[in-house]
Amino acid sequence: MALAAPYRRALIWIVASIVIVVAACIAGWIYLDQNFESANTLDTPRTLMLAPGSGVWEIAEALYEAGVVEDPNVFAVGVWQSGHSSALKAGEYVFPPGVTPRQAMEIIRAGRIVEHRLTIPEGVTSADIGRLLESAEALAGDMAEIPPEGALLPETYFYRRGDSRTDLIHRMEAGMHRLMAELWPNRAENLPFDTPEQALVLASIVEKETALAAERPQVAGVFVNRLRKDMRLQSDPTVIFAVTGGEAPLGRPLSKDDLAADSPFNTYRHKGLPPRPIAHPGRESLAAVLNPMATEALYFVADGSGGHVFAATLAEHNKNVARWRKLQQKNAAD
């Protein structure tokens, strides 16, 4: 039985609507599928901070505003369709040029957060470390009081934007504790000091005396010999610390008044070790102090090439000093 005209028109309208909806869904699917795999047109990387608690649509808008994706709807729907809506992680990310929305999703889902680095050189003071931490703009928060010299381990530290300065200081402390726990049990016998704290004091002096890793065991051997013989260490860096307190470089040669200053850090006036370290020593200096080179040397002076020349007698040392002074005079004249 044929349908009446009004019913036929209604049926045609319904079928046409279904066809249109289906066609729109297919077109949308094709658009989404193609554009979710389409690279952006950036020619430089983009760094973006995604705040904790951000939802998919907020992340999509942030990516769009940064130029990482060219349609926030494509990203948001693509993430939903992939089943990863709840897997996106907050943090700081770098998106390379030509990244697709799917690749952007995978970067965030995998939590490939930017890692920053801060290198603490061997031989710096607590004041130096404070300045380095303050200038690290990706760190957050005010600093707690920085521990005195010898408490922190100089090395390269990795951190993420928003990590606190205080937490990084605690990591440096823990690093020094671990290093000392590793090295102290394997120290040489009959060293002229009894505690890890005294080892740190001597290691800080060795650290400041030479920048050459190969020389550190020999420099340590000289100071160990002097301690055993109850000789003054006569180390210039200890006098510099006595004058500056480790707050800043001295910026001038040591004077006779400096060498005569009555400070417990002045090893020209006082025998034995200073009361605490004068810098933060690294692994190599601490290892050198705990296992110093066996040597007859009691003296050393710069050799003009970045290293030192060593001597077992004062007469030999005085000759080395005379050569060094002539070299200084020649360099000044040149």
Protein backbone atom coordinates (compact mmCIF):
# COMPACT_ATOMS: atom_id res chain seq x y z
CA MET A 1 0.00 0.00 0.00
CA ALA A 2 1.45 3.32 -1.06
CA LEU A 3 2.18 5.92 1.59
CA ALA A 4 0.31 9.13 1.49
CA ALA A 5 2.21 12.10 0.17
CA PRO A 6 2.76 13.75 3.58
CA TYR A 7 4.25 10.54 4.98
CA ARG A 8 6.45 10.09 1.95
CA ARG A 9 7.78 13.61 2.36
CA ALA A 10 8.43 12.99 6.06
CA LEU A 11 10.22 9.74 5.36
CA ILE A 12 12.32 11.38 2.66
CA TRP A 13 13.20 14.18 5.08
CA ILE A 14 14.20 11.70 7.79
CA VAL A 15 16.32 9.65 5.41
CA ALA A 16 17.93 12.76 3.99
CA SER A 17 18.69 14.02 7.50
CA ILE A 18 20.26 10.70 8.42
CA VAL A 19 22.34 10.76 5.27
CA ILE A 20 23.45 14.32 5.98
CA VAL A 21 24.34 13.45 9.58
CA VAL A 22 26.22 10.34 8.52
CA ALA A 23 28.02 12.25 5.80
CA ALA A 24 28.92 14.98 8.28
CA CYS A 25 30.21 12.38 10.76
CA ILE A 26 32.27 10.72 8.04
CA ALA A 27 33.63 14.09 6.91
CA GLY A 28 34.39 15.03 10.50
CA TRP A 29 36.09 11.70 11.10
CA ILE A 30 38.20 12.15 7.97
CA TYR A 31 39.04 15.75 8.98
CA LEU A 32 39.96 14.66 12.49
CA ASP A 33 41.98 11.68 11.29
CA GLN A 34 43.91 13.72 8.77
CA ASN A 35 44.53 16.75 10.97
CA PHE A 36 45.42 14.74 14.09
CA GLU A 37 48.36 13.47 12.02
CA SER A 38 49.17 16.80 10.35
CA ALA A 39 52.35 18.63 11.29
CA ASN A 40 52.26 22.23 12.45
CA THR A 41 54.04 24.97 10.52
CA LEU A 42 56.39 26.16 13.25
CA ASP A 43 60.02 26.74 12.33
CA THR A 44 61.31 26.91 15.92
CA PRO A 45 60.58 24.85 19.06
CA ARG A 46 57.94 26.05 21.50
CA THR A 47 58.30 25.76 25.27
CA LEU A 48 55.04 25.59 27.19
CA MET A 49 54.18 25.23 30.87
CA LEU A 50 51.04 23.17 31.51
CA ALA A 51 49.70 23.95 34.95
CA PRO A 52 48.67 21.19 37.37
CA GLY A 53 44.97 20.40 37.13
CA SER A 54 44.65 21.48 33.49
CA GLY A 55 41.95 19.59 31.59
CA VAL A 56 42.11 18.43 27.99
CA TRP A 57 40.36 21.51 26.64
CA GLU A 58 42.58 23.86 28.63
CA ILE A 59 45.66 22.05 27.33
CA ALA A 60 44.25 22.18 23.79
CA GLU A 61 43.74 25.95 24.04
CA ALA A 62 47.26 26.45 25.48
CA LEU A 63 48.77 24.42 22.64
CA TYR A 64 46.73 26.38 20.09
CA GLU A 65 47.78 29.76 21.51
CA ALA A 66 51.43 28.67 21.39
CA GLY A 67 51.06 27.53 17.79
CA VAL A 68 51.81 23.90 18.61
CA VAL A 69 48.44 22.74 17.22
CA GLU A 70 46.43 24.53 14.56
CA ASP A 71 43.00 23.46 15.78
CA PRO A 72 42.34 22.94 19.50
CA ASN A 73 39.22 20.89 18.71
CA VAL A 74 41.26 18.39 16.71
CA PHE A 75 43.65 17.92 19.64
CA ALA A 76 40.94 17.66 22.30
CA VAL A 77 38.74 15.25 20.34
CA GLY A 78 41.74 13.25 19.20
CA VAL A 79 42.91 12.82 22.80
CA TRP A 80 39.40 11.79 23.86
CA GLN A 81 39.14 9.37 20.96
CA SER A 82 42.54 7.88 21.86
CA GLY A 83 41.37 7.24 25.43
CA HIS A 84 44.14 9.35 27.04
CA SER A 85 42.12 12.23 28.46
CA SER A 86 43.13 11.42 32.03
CA ALA A 87 46.76 10.56 31.21
CA LEU A 88 48.06 14.02 30.32
CA LYS A 89 50.66 15.29 32.80
CA ALA A 90 51.38 18.83 33.95
CA GLY A 91 54.84 20.30 33.54
CA GLU A 92 57.14 22.22 31.22
CA TYR A 93 57.44 20.79 27.70
CA VAL A 94 59.33 21.58 24.51
CA PHE A 95 57.49 20.85 21.26
CA PRO A 96 59.71 20.64 18.17
CA PRO A 97 58.82 22.19 14.81
CA GLY A 98 56.57 20.02 12.66
CA VAL A 99 55.01 18.17 15.59
CA THR A 100 51.56 16.69 14.98
CA PRO A 101 48.68 16.84 17.50
CA ARG A 102 49.14 13.13 18.11
CA GLN A 103 52.87 13.60 18.77
CA ALA A 104 52.10 16.53 21.07
CA MET A 105 49.68 14.27 22.96
CA GLU A 106 52.34 11.56 23.28
CA ILE A 107 54.93 14.05 24.56
CA ILE A 108 52.54 15.18 27.31
CA ARG A 109 51.22 11.69 28.04
CA ALA A 110 54.76 10.32 28.42
CA GLY A 111 55.67 13.17 30.77
CA ARG A 112 58.74 14.20 28.78
CA ILE A 113 59.15 17.26 30.98
CA VAL A 114 62.05 19.67 30.40
CA GLU A 115 65.01 19.05 32.70
CA HIS A 116 67.15 22.03 33.66
CA ARG A 117 70.70 21.69 34.93
CA LEU A 118 72.77 23.59 37.45
CA THR A 119 76.51 22.93 37.66
CA ILE A 120 78.19 23.60 40.99
CA PRO A 121 81.95 23.78 40.29
CA GLU A 122 84.42 22.22 42.71
CA GLY A 123 85.99 24.69 45.09
CA VAL A 124 83.18 27.23 45.30
CA THR A 125 82.03 28.70 48.60
CA SER A 126 78.57 28.75 50.13
CA ALA A 127 78.17 32.36 49.01
CA ASP A 128 78.97 31.30 45.43
CA ILE A 129 76.37 28.54 45.58
CA GLY A 130 73.80 30.98 46.91
CA ARG A 131 74.36 33.23 43.91
CA LEU A 132 74.11 30.30 41.48
CA LEU A 133 70.83 29.14 43.03
CA GLU A 134 69.41 32.65 43.02
CA SER A 135 70.20 33.09 39.32
CA ALA A 136 68.55 29.77 38.33
CA GLU A 137 65.25 31.24 37.15
CA ALA A 138 63.48 27.89 36.80
CA LEU A 139 63.87 27.19 40.52
CA ALA A 140 61.18 28.40 42.91
CA GLY A 141 60.99 29.70 46.45
CA ASP A 142 63.29 31.50 48.81
CA MET A 143 66.43 29.75 49.93
CA ALA A 144 66.87 28.30 53.35
CA GLU A 145 70.16 29.21 55.01
CA ILE A 146 72.94 27.63 52.98
CA PRO A 147 75.08 25.21 55.00
CA PRO A 148 78.72 26.17 55.58
CA GLU A 149 81.57 25.13 53.31
CA GLY A 150 82.17 21.40 53.08
CA ALA A 151 78.53 20.36 53.51
CA LEU A 152 77.48 20.39 49.84
CA LEU A 153 78.67 18.23 46.94
CA PRO A 154 79.77 20.11 43.81
CA GLU A 155 78.42 18.43 40.68
CA THR A 156 75.76 18.93 38.00
CA TYR A 157 72.20 18.75 39.29
CA PHE A 158 69.13 18.24 37.13
CA TYR A 159 65.79 19.70 38.14
CA ARG A 160 62.40 20.66 36.75
CA ARG A 161 60.80 24.08 36.60
CA GLY A 162 59.15 24.84 39.89
CA ASP A 163 61.44 22.66 42.02
CA SER A 164 62.45 24.53 45.15
CA ARG A 165 65.87 25.96 45.89
CA THR A 166 65.72 24.49 49.37
CA ASP A 167 65.09 20.99 48.01
CA LEU A 168 68.11 21.33 45.72
CA ILE A 169 70.27 22.36 48.69
CA HIS A 170 69.08 19.24 50.52
CA ARG A 171 70.07 17.13 47.50
CA MET A 172 73.56 18.66 47.61
CA GLU A 173 73.83 17.83 51.30
CA ALA A 174 72.69 14.27 50.71
CA GLY A 175 75.22 13.94 47.89
CA MET A 176 78.11 14.89 50.17
CA HIS A 177 76.89 12.49 52.87
CA ARG A 178 76.78 9.66 50.34
CA LEU A 179 80.22 10.49 48.96
CA MET A 180 81.81 10.58 52.40
CA ALA A 181 80.10 7.31 53.37
CA GLU A 182 81.55 5.76 50.21
CA LEU A 183 85.14 7.05 50.54
CA TRP A 184 85.81 7.22 54.28
CA PRO A 185 85.89 3.43 54.96
CA ASN A 186 88.56 2.98 52.25
CA ARG A 187 90.96 5.63 53.54
CA ALA A 188 94.66 4.99 53.97
CA GLU A 189 96.01 4.04 57.38
CA ASN A 190 97.78 6.42 59.78
CA LEU A 191 96.41 9.65 58.35
CA PRO A 192 97.10 12.72 60.52
CA PHE A 193 93.39 13.39 61.04
CA ASP A 194 90.66 11.37 62.70
CA THR A 195 87.27 12.45 61.43
CA PRO A 196 85.43 12.91 58.13
CA GLU A 197 85.00 16.57 59.04
CA GLN A 198 88.79 17.03 59.22
CA ALA A 199 89.16 15.25 55.90
CA LEU A 200 86.74 17.75 54.37
CA VAL A 201 88.81 20.64 55.73
CA LEU A 202 91.99 19.34 54.13
CA ALA A 203 90.19 18.40 50.90
CA SER A 204 88.89 21.97 50.60
CA ILE A 205 92.46 23.28 50.84
CA VAL A 206 93.70 20.82 48.20
CA GLU A 207 90.77 21.83 45.99
CA LYS A 208 91.76 25.50 46.14
CA GLU A 209 95.48 24.86 45.70
CA THR A 210 95.35 23.11 42.33
CA ALA A 211 92.92 22.83 39.45
CA LEU A 212 94.78 19.82 38.02
CA ALA A 213 93.17 16.53 38.99
CA ALA A 214 96.46 14.66 38.43
CA GLU A 215 98.21 16.86 41.01
CA ARG A 216 95.70 16.51 43.82
CA PRO A 217 97.10 13.30 45.37
CA GLN A 218 100.58 14.83 45.40
CA VAL A 219 99.40 18.14 46.88
CA ALA A 220 97.49 16.13 49.48
CA GLY A 221 100.67 14.17 50.17
CA VAL A 222 102.58 17.39 50.84
CA PHE A 223 100.01 18.62 53.35
CA VAL A 224 99.83 15.21 55.03
CA ASN A 225 103.60 15.27 55.41
CA ARG A 226 103.49 18.76 56.94
CA LEU A 227 100.78 17.75 59.39
CA ARG A 228 102.78 14.71 60.46
CA LYS A 229 105.84 16.87 61.07
CA ASP A 230 103.77 19.49 62.96
CA MET A 231 104.64 22.09 60.32
CA ARG A 232 102.33 24.92 59.42
CA LEU A 233 100.40 24.25 56.19
CA GLN A 234 101.17 27.76 54.89
CA SER A 235 98.40 27.64 52.32
CA ASP A 236 97.51 30.91 50.60
CA PRO A 237 93.85 29.94 50.01
CA THR A 238 93.29 29.66 53.76
CA VAL A 239 94.53 33.22 54.22
CA ILE A 240 92.30 34.42 51.39
CA PHE A 241 89.35 32.80 53.16
CA ALA A 242 90.39 34.47 56.40
CA VAL A 243 90.28 37.85 54.64
CA THR A 244 87.11 37.41 52.56
CA GLY A 245 85.09 34.89 54.56
CA GLY A 246 84.35 33.21 51.24
CA GLU A 247 81.95 35.99 50.27
CA ALA A 248 83.82 37.13 47.15
CA PRO A 249 87.19 36.81 45.40
CA LEU A 250 90.03 38.72 47.02
CA GLY A 251 90.79 40.53 43.79
CA ARG A 252 94.40 41.37 44.69
CA PRO A 253 97.61 39.67 45.80
CA LEU A 254 97.96 38.72 49.45
CA SER A 255 99.77 41.34 51.50
CA LYS A 256 102.16 40.99 54.44
CA ASP A 257 99.36 42.18 56.69
CA ASP A 258 97.11 39.42 55.36
CA LEU A 259 99.74 36.78 56.08
CA ALA A 260 100.18 38.16 59.60
CA ALA A 261 96.45 38.32 60.42
CA ASP A 262 95.52 36.46 63.59
CA SER A 263 92.73 34.31 62.18
CA PRO A 264 92.20 30.61 62.92
CA PHE A 265 92.07 30.17 59.14
CA ASN A 266 95.54 31.67 58.69
CA THR A 267 97.73 28.59 58.28
CA TYR A 268 100.84 30.79 58.13
CA ARG A 269 100.30 31.63 61.81
CA HIS A 270 98.52 28.58 63.19
CA LYS A 271 99.55 24.94 63.00
CA GLY A 272 97.16 22.18 62.07
CA LEU A 273 93.92 22.40 60.13
CA PRO A 274 91.61 25.41 60.07
CA PRO A 275 88.41 25.07 62.09
CA ARG A 276 86.26 24.22 59.07
CA PRO A 277 86.51 23.88 55.27
CA ILE A 278 87.26 26.92 53.15
CA ALA A 279 85.27 25.68 50.12
CA HIS A 280 83.14 22.79 48.93
CA PRO A 281 85.56 20.11 47.68
CA GLY A 282 84.72 17.64 44.94
CA ARG A 283 85.15 13.88 44.78
CA GLU A 284 88.71 13.94 43.43
CA SER A 285 90.08 16.20 46.15
CA LEU A 286 88.39 14.22 48.90
CA ALA A 287 89.66 10.95 47.44
CA ALA A 288 93.18 12.44 47.22
CA VAL A 289 93.15 13.45 50.87
CA LEU A 290 91.93 10.03 52.01
CA ASN A 291 94.56 8.26 49.89
CA PRO A 292 97.38 10.75 49.35
CA MET A 293 100.43 10.08 47.24
CA ALA A 294 103.46 8.77 49.13
CA THR A 295 106.02 11.54 48.62
CA GLU A 296 108.98 13.14 50.34
CA ALA A 297 107.88 16.59 49.22
CA LEU A 298 107.12 19.25 51.81
CA TYR A 299 106.80 22.24 49.48
CA PHE A 300 105.34 23.22 46.12
CA VAL A 301 105.11 26.38 44.04
CA ALA A 302 103.53 27.26 40.70
CA ASP A 303 105.52 26.27 37.63
CA GLY A 304 104.02 28.82 35.25
CA SER A 305 102.09 26.31 33.15
CA GLY A 306 99.09 25.79 35.41
CA GLY A 307 100.74 23.16 37.57
CA HIS A 308 103.27 23.06 40.38
CA VAL A 309 106.83 21.96 41.02
CA PHE A 310 107.46 20.02 44.24
CA ALA A 311 110.46 19.94 46.58
CA ALA A 312 111.55 17.88 49.58
CA THR A 313 113.91 20.51 51.04
CA LEU A 314 113.63 24.20 51.73
CA ALA A 315 116.76 24.94 49.70
CA GLU A 316 115.29 23.20 46.65
CA HIS A 317 111.98 24.97 47.21
CA ASN A 318 113.67 28.38 47.40
CA LYS A 319 115.28 27.73 44.01
CA ASN A 320 111.87 26.84 42.58
CA VAL A 321 110.38 30.01 44.07
CA ALA A 322 113.17 32.10 42.54
CA ARG A 323 112.48 30.59 39.11
CA TRP A 324 108.77 31.30 39.54
CA ARG A 325 109.42 34.93 40.46
CA LYS A 326 111.69 35.42 37.45
CA LEU A 327 108.95 33.98 35.27
CA GLN A 328 106.42 36.36 36.81
CA GLN A 329 108.73 39.30 36.16
CA LYS A 330 109.27 38.22 32.55
CA ASN A 331 105.54 37.84 31.99
CA ALA A 332 104.90 41.26 33.51
CA ALA A 333 107.56 42.83 31.25
CA ASP A 334 106.13 41.11 28.15
